[in-house]
């Protein structure tokens, strides 16, 4: 009995639509969706950048270990 029924929610929704209008609510929804999408995109590349940097560091260390034997061969020749 203490909860909000579906009819009360419909009346609240009707009042909100009458106050703000459908066009303003639609633009508000698209703005909110764009903000959430932008936030997700801002968070994702940071993680991808970190993984790319880690992979680059691993490659550099692997290349450095490969170059060491070559330098020894050049010294022996």
N, C-alpha and C. Protein backbone atom coordinates (compact mmCIF):
# COMPACT_ATOMS: atom_id res chain seq x y z
N UNK A 1 0.81 -1.19 0.00
CA UNK A 1 0.00 0.00 0.00
C UNK A 1 0.86 1.26 0.00
N UNK A 2 2.07 1.17 0.49
CA UNK A 2 2.91 2.35 0.60
C UNK A 2 3.65 2.66 -0.70
N UNK A 3 3.58 1.77 -1.70
CA UNK A 3 4.31 1.98 -2.94
C UNK A 3 3.57 2.87 -3.92
N UNK A 4 4.25 3.22 -4.98
CA UNK A 4 3.64 4.04 -6.03
C UNK A 4 3.04 3.10 -7.07
N UNK A 5 1.79 3.33 -7.39
CA UNK A 5 1.12 2.47 -8.37
C UNK A 5 1.41 2.98 -9.78
N UNK A 6 1.03 2.18 -10.77
CA UNK A 6 1.26 2.53 -12.17
C UNK A 6 0.47 3.78 -12.55
N UNK A 7 -0.70 3.96 -11.97
CA UNK A 7 -1.53 5.13 -12.28
C UNK A 7 -0.87 6.42 -11.77
N UNK A 8 -0.28 6.33 -10.62
CA UNK A 8 0.42 7.51 -10.08
C UNK A 8 1.63 7.86 -10.94
N UNK A 9 2.35 6.85 -11.43
CA UNK A 9 3.48 7.10 -12.31
C UNK A 9 3.03 7.73 -13.63
N UNK A 10 1.91 7.27 -14.16
CA UNK A 10 1.38 7.83 -15.41
C UNK A 10 0.96 9.29 -15.23
N UNK A 11 0.36 9.61 -14.11
CA UNK A 11 -0.05 10.98 -13.85
C UNK A 11 1.19 11.88 -13.73
N UNK A 12 2.23 11.40 -13.05
CA UNK A 12 3.47 12.17 -12.92
C UNK A 12 4.10 12.38 -14.29
N UNK A 13 4.12 11.34 -15.13
CA UNK A 13 4.69 11.45 -16.47
C UNK A 13 3.91 12.44 -17.31
N UNK A 14 2.58 12.43 -17.20
CA UNK A 14 1.73 13.36 -17.94
C UNK A 14 2.01 14.80 -17.53
N UNK A 15 2.17 15.04 -16.24
CA UNK A 15 2.46 16.39 -15.74
C UNK A 15 3.82 16.86 -16.24
N UNK A 16 4.81 15.97 -16.23
CA UNK A 16 6.14 16.33 -16.72
C UNK A 16 6.09 16.68 -18.20
N UNK A 17 5.37 15.90 -18.99
CA UNK A 17 5.25 16.17 -20.43
C UNK A 17 4.55 17.50 -20.65
N UNK A 18 3.50 17.78 -19.88
CA UNK A 18 2.79 19.05 -20.03
C UNK A 18 3.66 20.24 -19.64
N UNK A 19 4.49 20.08 -18.63
CA UNK A 19 5.34 21.18 -18.18
C UNK A 19 6.48 21.47 -19.15
N UNK A 20 7.16 20.44 -19.61
CA UNK A 20 8.37 20.63 -20.40
C UNK A 20 8.14 20.48 -21.90
N UNK A 21 7.16 19.73 -22.31
CA UNK A 21 6.94 19.48 -23.73
C UNK A 21 7.78 18.32 -24.23
N UNK A 22 7.29 17.66 -25.26
CA UNK A 22 7.97 16.47 -25.78
C UNK A 22 9.30 16.82 -26.45
N UNK A 23 9.34 17.98 -27.13
CA UNK A 23 10.57 18.34 -27.84
C UNK A 23 11.72 18.57 -26.86
N UNK A 24 11.46 19.25 -25.78
CA UNK A 24 12.50 19.52 -24.79
C UNK A 24 12.92 18.22 -24.09
N UNK A 25 11.96 17.35 -23.79
CA UNK A 25 12.30 16.07 -23.16
C UNK A 25 13.13 15.20 -24.10
N UNK A 26 12.80 15.23 -25.39
CA UNK A 26 13.55 14.44 -26.37
C UNK A 26 14.99 14.95 -26.47
N UNK A 27 15.15 16.27 -26.51
CA UNK A 27 16.51 16.81 -26.60
C UNK A 27 17.29 16.55 -25.30
N UNK A 28 16.60 16.59 -24.19
CA UNK A 28 17.25 16.28 -22.91
C UNK A 28 17.72 14.84 -22.88
N UNK A 29 16.89 13.93 -23.38
CA UNK A 29 17.27 12.52 -23.43
C UNK A 29 18.46 12.28 -24.36
N UNK A 30 18.46 12.95 -25.52
CA UNK A 30 19.58 12.75 -26.44
C UNK A 30 20.86 13.37 -25.88
N UNK A 31 20.74 14.50 -25.19
CA UNK A 31 21.91 15.11 -24.56
C UNK A 31 22.48 14.20 -23.47
N UNK A 32 21.61 13.62 -22.68
CA UNK A 32 22.05 12.72 -21.62
C UNK A 32 22.72 11.48 -22.21
N UNK A 33 22.12 10.93 -23.27
CA UNK A 33 22.71 9.77 -23.93
C UNK A 33 24.07 10.09 -24.53
N UNK A 34 24.21 11.28 -25.14
CA UNK A 34 25.48 11.69 -25.70
C UNK A 34 26.54 11.86 -24.63
N UNK A 35 26.13 12.39 -23.48
CA UNK A 35 27.07 12.56 -22.37
C UNK A 35 27.57 11.21 -21.86
N UNK A 36 26.67 10.26 -21.73
CA UNK A 36 27.06 8.92 -21.26
C UNK A 36 27.99 8.26 -22.27
N UNK A 37 27.67 8.41 -23.56
CA UNK A 37 28.50 7.82 -24.61
C UNK A 37 29.89 8.45 -24.61
N UNK A 38 29.94 9.77 -24.46
CA UNK A 38 31.22 10.46 -24.40
C UNK A 38 32.05 10.02 -23.21
N UNK A 39 31.39 9.83 -22.08
CA UNK A 39 32.10 9.37 -20.89
C UNK A 39 32.68 7.99 -21.10
N UNK A 40 31.90 7.10 -21.70
CA UNK A 40 32.41 5.75 -21.97
C UNK A 40 33.58 5.79 -22.93
N UNK A 41 33.49 6.61 -23.98
CA UNK A 41 34.58 6.72 -24.93
C UNK A 41 35.82 7.32 -24.28
N UNK A 42 35.62 8.24 -23.37
CA UNK A 42 36.76 8.84 -22.68
C UNK A 42 37.46 7.84 -21.78
N UNK A 43 36.72 6.92 -21.22
CA UNK A 43 37.31 5.92 -20.33
C UNK A 43 37.97 4.78 -21.11
N UNK A 44 37.40 4.38 -22.23
CA UNK A 44 37.91 3.25 -23.00
C UNK A 44 39.30 3.50 -23.58
N UNK A 45 39.54 4.60 -24.27
CA UNK A 45 40.86 4.79 -24.87
C UNK A 45 41.99 4.83 -23.84
N UNK A 46 41.70 5.27 -22.64
CA UNK A 46 42.73 5.29 -21.61
C UNK A 46 43.22 3.88 -21.33
N UNK A 47 42.30 2.94 -21.22
CA UNK A 47 42.68 1.55 -20.98
C UNK A 47 43.40 0.98 -22.20
N UNK A 48 42.90 1.33 -23.40
CA UNK A 48 43.54 0.84 -24.61
C UNK A 48 44.93 1.43 -24.76
N UNK A 49 45.09 2.69 -24.40
CA UNK A 49 46.39 3.34 -24.48
C UNK A 49 47.38 2.67 -23.55
N UNK A 50 46.92 2.34 -22.35
CA UNK A 50 47.80 1.65 -21.40
C UNK A 50 48.24 0.30 -21.95
N UNK A 51 47.31 -0.44 -22.55
CA UNK A 51 47.69 -1.75 -23.08
C UNK A 51 48.61 -1.61 -24.28
N UNK A 52 48.40 -0.57 -25.09
CA UNK A 52 49.29 -0.34 -26.23
C UNK A 52 50.68 0.03 -25.74
N UNK A 53 50.76 0.88 -24.71
CA UNK A 53 52.06 1.25 -24.15
C UNK A 53 52.76 0.03 -23.56
N UNK A 54 52.02 -0.84 -22.90
CA UNK A 54 52.63 -2.05 -22.33
C UNK A 54 53.15 -2.95 -23.44
N UNK A 55 52.38 -3.09 -24.52
CA UNK A 55 52.82 -3.92 -25.63
C UNK A 55 54.07 -3.33 -26.28
N UNK A 56 54.10 -2.00 -26.41
CA UNK A 56 55.27 -1.35 -27.01
C UNK A 56 56.50 -1.55 -26.13
N UNK A 57 56.33 -1.47 -24.82
CA UNK A 57 57.45 -1.68 -23.91
C UNK A 57 57.96 -3.12 -24.01
N UNK A 58 57.06 -4.06 -24.15
CA UNK A 58 57.46 -5.46 -24.29
C UNK A 58 58.23 -5.66 -25.58
N UNK A 59 57.77 -5.03 -26.66
CA UNK A 59 58.46 -5.15 -27.95
C UNK A 59 59.86 -4.55 -27.88
N UNK A 60 59.96 -3.38 -27.23
CA UNK A 60 61.27 -2.74 -27.11
C UNK A 60 62.24 -3.60 -26.31
N UNK A 61 61.75 -4.20 -25.25
CA UNK A 61 62.63 -5.06 -24.46
C UNK A 61 63.02 -6.31 -25.25
N UNK A 62 62.08 -6.83 -26.04
CA UNK A 62 62.40 -8.00 -26.86
C UNK A 62 63.41 -7.62 -27.94
N UNK A 63 63.25 -6.44 -28.54
CA UNK A 63 64.21 -6.00 -29.56
C UNK A 63 65.57 -5.75 -28.94
N UNK A 64 65.59 -5.24 -27.74
CA UNK A 64 66.87 -4.97 -27.07
C UNK A 64 67.61 -6.28 -26.80
N UNK A 65 66.90 -7.32 -26.41
CA UNK A 65 67.56 -8.60 -26.16
C UNK A 65 68.03 -9.24 -27.46
N UNK A 66 67.31 -8.98 -28.55
CA UNK A 66 67.73 -9.51 -29.85
C UNK A 66 68.95 -8.78 -30.37
N UNK A 67 69.08 -7.51 -30.07
CA UNK A 67 70.20 -6.71 -30.58
C UNK A 67 71.50 -7.04 -29.85
N UNK A 68 71.43 -7.47 -28.62
CA UNK A 68 72.64 -7.76 -27.85
C UNK A 68 73.48 -8.85 -28.50
N UNK A 69 72.92 -9.98 -28.91
CA UNK A 69 73.77 -11.00 -29.56
C UNK A 69 74.34 -10.51 -30.88
N UNK A 70 73.65 -9.66 -31.60
CA UNK A 70 74.16 -9.16 -32.87
C UNK A 70 75.39 -8.31 -32.64
N UNK A 71 75.37 -7.51 -31.59
CA UNK A 71 76.52 -6.65 -31.31
C UNK A 71 77.74 -7.49 -30.94
N UNK A 72 77.52 -8.61 -30.26
CA UNK A 72 78.63 -9.51 -29.92
C UNK A 72 79.21 -10.13 -31.19
N UNK A 73 78.33 -10.48 -32.16
CA UNK A 73 78.80 -11.04 -33.40
C UNK A 73 79.66 -10.03 -34.15
N UNK A 74 79.26 -8.77 -34.13
CA UNK A 74 80.01 -7.73 -34.83
C UNK A 74 81.37 -7.52 -34.16
N UNK A 75 81.42 -7.61 -32.85
CA UNK A 75 82.68 -7.42 -32.15
C UNK A 75 83.64 -8.57 -32.46
N UNK A 76 83.11 -9.77 -32.61
CA UNK A 76 83.96 -10.92 -32.89
C UNK A 76 84.50 -10.87 -34.30
N UNK A 77 83.79 -10.27 -35.23
CA UNK A 77 84.21 -10.22 -36.63
C UNK A 77 85.25 -9.21 -36.84
